C-alpha cells in the first residue's frame, strides 16, 4: 500500500527531528531552540517578530523559548535606542558555537536523507518542497 503524502511528510519530519535530537542531546537544546539558533546564525540581531514568523512560532511561545535561551547564555536581547518594542536578538559566543554545530549536523542528516539521490534529484526534491510550502502558505493566508 502506498503511503499518503501527508503521512510521508509528517514521518520524514519526525525522523529528521529524531536524528537531530539524538545528535545534539549533549547540548541541552530543547525543541524549538535549534531552528532559532539556525535562523540567528544568518540573521543575528533580528527582531522577535521576524524570528516568530520565519520559525513558525507563536510570539508568546517564542518569548518563553528566548527567555530559556537567554538564561542558558545562548542569546542576548537588546533594545534599539531604549524602545522595548524593537527588541533585537543576538547570538552569544556559546550560541554561535551551537548554531555552527547545528549547521554541520543538519548537513549530515540531509546527506543521510538524500543518500542515493543524484544532485539533480536532490535539487528537484528541494524545489518541490519549496513549491509545496508556497502553496500551503497561500492556502493558509486565504482562510
C-alpha atoms as a PDB file:
ATOM      1  CA  UNK A   1       0.000   0.000   0.000  1.00  0.00           C
ATOM      2  CA  UNK A   2       1.329   3.412  -0.975  1.00  0.00           C
ATOM      3  CA  UNK A   3       1.506   5.888   1.916  1.00  0.00           C
ATOM      4  CA  UNK A   4      -0.272   9.226   1.594  1.00  0.00           C
ATOM      5  CA  UNK A   5       1.683  12.417   1.034  1.00  0.00           C
ATOM      6  CA  UNK A   6       0.734  13.882   4.413  1.00  0.00           C
ATOM      7  CA  UNK A   7       1.849  10.720   6.198  1.00  0.00           C
ATOM      8  CA  UNK A   8       5.198  10.689   4.391  1.00  0.00           C
ATOM      9  CA  UNK A   9       5.825  14.392   5.060  1.00  0.00           C
ATOM     10  CA  UNK A  10       4.996  14.033   8.753  1.00  0.00           C
ATOM     11  CA  UNK A  11       7.031  10.837   9.093  1.00  0.00           C
ATOM     12  CA  UNK A  12      10.048  12.322   7.335  1.00  0.00           C
ATOM     13  CA  UNK A  13       9.872  15.396   9.569  1.00  0.00           C
ATOM     14  CA  UNK A  14       9.679  13.200  12.665  1.00  0.00           C
ATOM     15  CA  UNK A  15      12.660  11.112  11.551  1.00  0.00           C
ATOM     16  CA  UNK A  16      14.666  14.270  10.851  1.00  0.00           C
ATOM     17  CA  UNK A  17      13.789  15.628  14.307  1.00  0.00           C
ATOM     18  CA  UNK A  18      14.725  12.344  15.998  1.00  0.00           C
ATOM     19  CA  UNK A  19      18.074  12.294  14.207  1.00  0.00           C
ATOM     20  CA  UNK A  20      18.780  15.873  15.269  1.00  0.00           C
ATOM     21  CA  UNK A  21      17.772  15.313  18.903  1.00  0.00           C
ATOM     22  CA  UNK A  22      19.977  12.226  19.039  1.00  0.00           C
ATOM     23  CA  UNK A  23      22.973  14.125  17.635  1.00  0.00           C
ATOM     24  CA  UNK A  24      22.701  17.163  19.923  1.00  0.00           C
ATOM     25  CA  UNK A  25      21.413  15.625  23.150  1.00  0.00           C
ATOM     26  CA  UNK A  26      24.672  16.582  24.890  1.00  0.00           C
ATOM     27  CA  UNK A  27      23.957  20.288  24.282  1.00  0.00           C
ATOM     28  CA  UNK A  28      20.818  20.587  26.384  1.00  0.00           C
ATOM     29  CA  UNK A  29      18.992  22.249  23.496  1.00  0.00           C
ATOM     30  CA  UNK A  30      15.228  21.896  23.756  1.00  0.00           C
ATOM     31  CA  UNK A  31      12.659  21.662  20.931  1.00  0.00           C
ATOM     32  CA  UNK A  32      12.316  24.957  19.113  1.00  0.00           C
ATOM     33  CA  UNK A  33      15.783  26.179  20.012  1.00  0.00           C
ATOM     34  CA  UNK A  34      17.752  24.661  17.091  1.00  0.00           C
ATOM     35  CA  UNK A  35      15.695  26.407  14.412  1.00  0.00           C
ATOM     36  CA  UNK A  36      16.052  29.725  16.249  1.00  0.00           C
ATOM     37  CA  UNK A  37      19.825  29.315  16.528  1.00  0.00           C
ATOM     38  CA  UNK A  38      19.959  28.341  12.861  1.00  0.00           C
ATOM     39  CA  UNK A  39      17.941  31.426  11.897  1.00  0.00           C
ATOM     40  CA  UNK A  40      20.044  33.760  14.041  1.00  0.00           C
ATOM     41  CA  UNK A  41      23.254  32.435  12.502  1.00  0.00           C
ATOM     42  CA  UNK A  42      22.249  34.222   9.295  1.00  0.00           C
ATOM     43  CA  UNK A  43      20.064  36.950  10.856  1.00  0.00           C
ATOM     44  CA  UNK A  44      21.909  37.985  14.012  1.00  0.00           C
ATOM     45  CA  UNK A  45      20.163  40.966  15.603  1.00  0.00           C
ATOM     46  CA  UNK A  46      16.752  40.035  14.195  1.00  0.00           C
ATOM     47  CA  UNK A  47      13.659  41.312  15.956  1.00  0.00           C
ATOM     48  CA  UNK A  48      11.468  38.792  17.747  1.00  0.00           C
ATOM     49  CA  UNK A  49       8.578  39.259  15.300  1.00  0.00           C
ATOM     50  CA  UNK A  50      10.752  38.210  12.354  1.00  0.00           C
ATOM     51  CA  UNK A  51      12.043  35.178  14.251  1.00  0.00           C
ATOM     52  CA  UNK A  52       8.486  34.132  15.118  1.00  0.00           C
ATOM     53  CA  UNK A  53       7.327  34.430  11.504  1.00  0.00           C
ATOM     54  CA  UNK A  54      10.286  32.586   9.995  1.00  0.00           C
ATOM     55  CA  UNK A  55      10.307  29.805  12.603  1.00  0.00           C
ATOM     56  CA  UNK A  56       6.508  29.434  12.662  1.00  0.00           C
ATOM     57  CA  UNK A  57       6.326  30.020  16.408  1.00  0.00           C
ATOM     58  CA  UNK A  58       3.599  31.988  18.157  1.00  0.00           C
ATOM     59  CA  UNK A  59       5.042  35.228  19.603  1.00  0.00           C
ATOM     60  CA  UNK A  60       4.103  34.292  23.191  1.00  0.00           C
ATOM     61  CA  UNK A  61       5.748  30.875  22.815  1.00  0.00           C
ATOM     62  CA  UNK A  62       8.820  32.469  21.264  1.00  0.00           C
ATOM     63  CA  UNK A  63       9.178  34.798  24.244  1.00  0.00           C
ATOM     64  CA  UNK A  64       9.267  31.794  26.583  1.00  0.00           C
ATOM     65  CA  UNK A  65      11.780  29.930  24.393  1.00  0.00           C
ATOM     66  CA  UNK A  66      14.012  33.005  24.095  1.00  0.00           C
ATOM     67  CA  UNK A  67      13.940  33.527  27.863  1.00  0.00           C
ATOM     68  CA  UNK A  68      15.223  29.984  28.337  1.00  0.00           C
ATOM     69  CA  UNK A  69      17.897  30.526  25.700  1.00  0.00           C
ATOM     70  CA  UNK A  70      18.960  33.776  27.339  1.00  0.00           C
ATOM     71  CA  UNK A  71      19.159  32.090  30.750  1.00  0.00           C
ATOM     72  CA  UNK A  72      21.425  29.403  29.251  1.00  0.00           C
ATOM     73  CA  UNK A  73      23.643  32.041  27.662  1.00  0.00           C
ATOM     74  CA  UNK A  74      22.839  31.216  24.018  1.00  0.00           C
ATOM     75  CA  UNK A  75      21.420  34.641  23.140  1.00  0.00           C
ATOM     76  CA  UNK A  76      21.157  38.177  24.419  1.00  0.00           C
ATOM     77  CA  UNK A  77      18.272  40.567  23.796  1.00  0.00           C
ATOM     78  CA  UNK A  78      18.834  44.279  23.421  1.00  0.00           C
ATOM     79  CA  UNK A  79      16.524  47.188  22.758  1.00  0.00           C
ATOM     80  CA  UNK A  80      17.104  49.615  19.941  1.00  0.00           C
ATOM     81  CA  UNK A  81      17.535  53.063  21.484  1.00  0.00           C
ATOM     82  CA  UNK A  82      15.576  52.013  24.567  1.00  0.00           C
ATOM     83  CA  UNK A  83      12.473  51.129  22.524  1.00  0.00           C
ATOM     84  CA  UNK A  84      11.161  47.963  24.197  1.00  0.00           C
ATOM     85  CA  UNK A  85       9.041  47.169  21.124  1.00  0.00           C
ATOM     86  CA  UNK A  86      12.111  46.723  18.959  1.00  0.00           C
ATOM     87  CA  UNK A  87      13.881  44.031  20.923  1.00  0.00           C
ATOM     88  CA  UNK A  88      16.770  42.577  18.905  1.00  0.00           C
ATOM     89  CA  UNK A  89      18.127  39.087  19.489  1.00  0.00           C
ATOM     90  CA  UNK A  90      21.841  38.347  19.171  1.00  0.00           C
ATOM     91  CA  UNK A  91      23.826  35.141  19.444  1.00  0.00           C
ATOM     92  CA  UNK A  92      26.399  34.929  22.206  1.00  0.00           C
ATOM     93  CA  UNK A  93      29.671  33.111  21.586  1.00  0.00           C
ATOM     94  CA  UNK A  94      28.107  29.985  23.116  1.00  0.00           C
ATOM     95  CA  UNK A  95      25.008  30.338  20.947  1.00  0.00           C
ATOM     96  CA  UNK A  96      27.107  30.853  17.829  1.00  0.00           C
ATOM     97  CA  UNK A  97      29.146  27.734  18.611  1.00  0.00           C
ATOM     98  CA  UNK A  98      25.949  25.688  18.955  1.00  0.00           C
ATOM     99  CA  UNK A  99      24.498  27.241  15.787  1.00  0.00           C
ATOM    100  CA  UNK A 100      27.637  26.324  13.837  1.00  0.00           C
ATOM    101  CA  UNK A 101      27.480  22.794  15.181  1.00  0.00           C
ATOM    102  CA  UNK A 102      23.810  22.580  14.203  1.00  0.00           C
ATOM    103  CA  UNK A 103      24.724  23.610  10.654  1.00  0.00           C
ATOM    104  CA  UNK A 104      27.087  20.638  10.447  1.00  0.00           C
ATOM    105  CA  UNK A 105      24.519  18.274  11.970  1.00  0.00           C
ATOM    106  CA  UNK A 106      21.833  19.460   9.529  1.00  0.00           C
ATOM    107  CA  UNK A 107      24.182  18.859   6.599  1.00  0.00           C
ATOM    108  CA  UNK A 108      24.983  15.328   7.795  1.00  0.00           C
ATOM    109  CA  UNK A 109      21.310  14.482   8.357  1.00  0.00           C
ATOM    110  CA  UNK A 110      20.385  15.878   4.945  1.00  0.00           C
ATOM    111  CA  UNK A 111      23.186  13.853   3.363  1.00  0.00           C
ATOM    112  CA  UNK A 112      21.851  10.710   5.021  1.00  0.00           C
ATOM    113  CA  UNK A 113      18.270  11.527   3.992  1.00  0.00           C
ATOM    114  CA  UNK A 114      19.271  12.119   0.379  1.00  0.00           C
ATOM    115  CA  UNK A 115      21.606   9.123   0.087  1.00  0.00           C
ATOM    116  CA  UNK A 116      21.200   7.592  -3.356  1.00  0.00           C
ATOM    117  CA  UNK A 117      19.726  10.766  -4.877  1.00  0.00           C
ATOM    118  CA  UNK A 118      21.604  12.362  -7.749  1.00  0.00           C
ATOM    119  CA  UNK A 119      22.461  16.058  -7.469  1.00  0.00           C
ATOM    120  CA  UNK A 120      19.657  16.905  -9.895  1.00  0.00           C
ATOM    121  CA  UNK A 121      17.170  14.739  -7.967  1.00  0.00           C
ATOM    122  CA  UNK A 122      18.177  16.445  -4.725  1.00  0.00           C
ATOM    123  CA  UNK A 123      17.697  19.864  -6.309  1.00  0.00           C
ATOM    124  CA  UNK A 124      14.374  18.842  -7.821  1.00  0.00           C
ATOM    125  CA  UNK A 125      13.184  17.485  -4.464  1.00  0.00           C
ATOM    126  CA  UNK A 126      14.219  20.738  -2.781  1.00  0.00           C
ATOM    127  CA  UNK A 127      12.317  22.705  -5.433  1.00  0.00           C
ATOM    128  CA  UNK A 128       9.208  20.540  -4.956  1.00  0.00           C
ATOM    129  CA  UNK A 129       9.275  21.054  -1.199  1.00  0.00           C
ATOM    130  CA  UNK A 130       9.598  24.797  -1.762  1.00  0.00           C
ATOM    131  CA  UNK A 131       6.567  24.765  -4.045  1.00  0.00           C
ATOM    132  CA  UNK A 132       4.561  22.757  -1.519  1.00  0.00           C
ATOM    133  CA  UNK A 133       5.485  25.308   1.138  1.00  0.00           C
ATOM    134  CA  UNK A 134       4.442  28.226  -1.086  1.00  0.00           C
ATOM    135  CA  UNK A 135       1.133  26.518  -1.906  1.00  0.00           C
ATOM    136  CA  UNK A 136       0.417  25.860   1.758  1.00  0.00           C
ATOM    137  CA  UNK A 137       1.271  29.460   2.680  1.00  0.00           C
ATOM    138  CA  UNK A 138      -1.214  30.692   0.059  1.00  0.00           C
ATOM    139  CA  UNK A 139      -3.820  28.257   1.388  1.00  0.00           C
ATOM    140  CA  UNK A 140      -3.199  29.318   4.977  1.00  0.00           C
ATOM    141  CA  UNK A 141      -3.387  33.011   4.122  1.00  0.00           C
ATOM    142  CA  UNK A 142      -6.653  32.658   2.190  1.00  0.00           C
ATOM    143  CA  UNK A 143      -8.625  31.362   5.192  1.00  0.00           C
END
